[in-house]
Amino acid sequence: MPPPPMPIVPLVVIPMDEFAKNETDSDKKQFLGNYLFQFVTRRISETDAAQAESLAGKVTGMILEG
């Protein structure tokens, strides 16, 4: 019998109460971008601190466009 599936644990939890305060789609996208940028910067800096900010901007942009 196979083991039970692992629970899905989100990497990022967006504070929905703060997110809901944004009225326009543009404001919501900006909020998500700022929030994700900080998360991605921390994750990348664990492996490549010298390029963390540059790479975090690119990764955050790809996430938002996807």
C-alpha atoms as a PDB file:
ATOM      1  CA  MET A   1       0.000   0.000   0.000  1.00  0.00           C
ATOM      2  CA  PRO A   2       1.485   3.413  -0.974  1.00  0.00           C
ATOM      3  CA  PRO A   3       2.155   5.994   1.737  1.00  0.00           C
ATOM      4  CA  PRO A   4      -0.412   8.771   2.147  1.00  0.00           C
ATOM      5  CA  PRO A   5       0.239  11.888   0.061  1.00  0.00           C
ATOM      6  CA  MET A   6       2.232  14.691   1.631  1.00  0.00           C
ATOM      7  CA  PRO A   7       0.163  17.744   2.567  1.00  0.00           C
ATOM      8  CA  ILE A   8       0.601  20.778   0.344  1.00  0.00           C
ATOM      9  CA  VAL A   9       2.291  23.570   2.263  1.00  0.00           C
ATOM     10  CA  PRO A  10       2.438  26.994   0.586  1.00  0.00           C
ATOM     11  CA  LEU A  11       5.834  28.663   0.326  1.00  0.00           C
ATOM     12  CA  VAL A  12       4.299  32.115   0.596  1.00  0.00           C
ATOM     13  CA  VAL A  13       1.196  33.169   2.492  1.00  0.00           C
ATOM     14  CA  ILE A  14      -0.200  36.432   1.187  1.00  0.00           C
ATOM     15  CA  PRO A  15      -1.889  38.556   3.900  1.00  0.00           C
ATOM     16  CA  MET A  16      -5.322  38.721   2.272  1.00  0.00           C
ATOM     17  CA  ASP A  17      -6.621  41.450   4.587  1.00  0.00           C
ATOM     18  CA  GLU A  18      -3.883  43.799   3.351  1.00  0.00           C
ATOM     19  CA  PHE A  19      -4.281  42.601  -0.243  1.00  0.00           C
ATOM     20  CA  ALA A  20      -8.032  43.340  -0.161  1.00  0.00           C
ATOM     21  CA  LYS A  21      -7.369  46.986   0.733  1.00  0.00           C
ATOM     22  CA  ASN A  22      -6.042  47.546  -2.800  1.00  0.00           C
ATOM     23  CA  GLU A  23      -8.837  48.686  -5.082  1.00  0.00           C
ATOM     24  CA  THR A  24      -7.418  48.504  -8.604  1.00  0.00           C
ATOM     25  CA  ASP A  25      -5.816  45.566 -10.386  1.00  0.00           C
ATOM     26  CA  SER A  26      -2.686  47.653 -10.798  1.00  0.00           C
ATOM     27  CA  ASP A  27      -2.477  48.260  -7.040  1.00  0.00           C
ATOM     28  CA  LYS A  28      -3.026  44.563  -6.349  1.00  0.00           C
ATOM     29  CA  LYS A  29      -0.278  43.587  -8.782  1.00  0.00           C
ATOM     30  CA  GLN A  30       2.079  46.127  -7.180  1.00  0.00           C
ATOM     31  CA  PHE A  31       1.281  44.763  -3.701  1.00  0.00           C
ATOM     32  CA  LEU A  32       1.930  41.178  -4.813  1.00  0.00           C
ATOM     33  CA  GLY A  33       5.117  42.211  -6.568  1.00  0.00           C
ATOM     34  CA  ASN A  34       6.484  43.937  -3.485  1.00  0.00           C
ATOM     35  CA  TYR A  35       5.527  41.040  -1.253  1.00  0.00           C
ATOM     36  CA  LEU A  36       6.943  38.364  -3.564  1.00  0.00           C
ATOM     37  CA  PHE A  37      10.125  40.354  -4.226  1.00  0.00           C
ATOM     38  CA  GLN A  38      11.028  40.246  -0.523  1.00  0.00           C
ATOM     39  CA  PHE A  39      10.356  36.498  -0.363  1.00  0.00           C
ATOM     40  CA  VAL A  40      12.345  35.730  -3.524  1.00  0.00           C
ATOM     41  CA  THR A  41      15.244  37.957  -2.416  1.00  0.00           C
ATOM     42  CA  ARG A  42      15.552  36.024   0.856  1.00  0.00           C
ATOM     43  CA  ARG A  43      15.439  32.670  -0.942  1.00  0.00           C
ATOM     44  CA  ILE A  44      18.015  33.620  -3.582  1.00  0.00           C
ATOM     45  CA  SER A  45      20.366  35.315  -1.117  1.00  0.00           C
ATOM     46  CA  GLU A  46      20.770  31.948   0.608  1.00  0.00           C
ATOM     47  CA  THR A  47      22.635  30.711  -2.471  1.00  0.00           C
ATOM     48  CA  ASP A  48      23.842  33.800  -4.374  1.00  0.00           C
ATOM     49  CA  ALA A  49      23.891  36.930  -2.206  1.00  0.00           C
ATOM     50  CA  ALA A  50      25.825  38.977  -4.783  1.00  0.00           C
ATOM     51  CA  GLN A  51      23.084  38.714  -7.413  1.00  0.00           C
ATOM     52  CA  ALA A  52      20.063  38.295  -5.127  1.00  0.00           C
ATOM     53  CA  GLU A  53      18.359  41.621  -5.883  1.00  0.00           C
ATOM     54  CA  SER A  54      18.845  41.442  -9.643  1.00  0.00           C
ATOM     55  CA  LEU A  55      17.669  37.849  -9.875  1.00  0.00           C
ATOM     56  CA  ALA A  56      14.786  38.457  -7.467  1.00  0.00           C
ATOM     57  CA  GLY A  57      13.464  41.212  -9.725  1.00  0.00           C
ATOM     58  CA  LYS A  58      13.555  38.922 -12.741  1.00  0.00           C
ATOM     59  CA  VAL A  59      11.949  36.001 -10.915  1.00  0.00           C
ATOM     60  CA  THR A  60       9.235  38.192  -9.384  1.00  0.00           C
ATOM     61  CA  GLY A  61       8.436  39.626 -12.822  1.00  0.00           C
ATOM     62  CA  MET A  62       8.146  36.139 -14.295  1.00  0.00           C
ATOM     63  CA  ILE A  63       5.792  35.055 -11.510  1.00  0.00           C
ATOM     64  CA  LEU A  64       3.556  38.103 -11.987  1.00  0.00           C
ATOM     65  CA  GLU A  65       3.439  37.703 -15.756  1.00  0.00           C
ATOM     66  CA  GLY A  66       2.582  33.998 -15.474  1.00  0.00           C
END
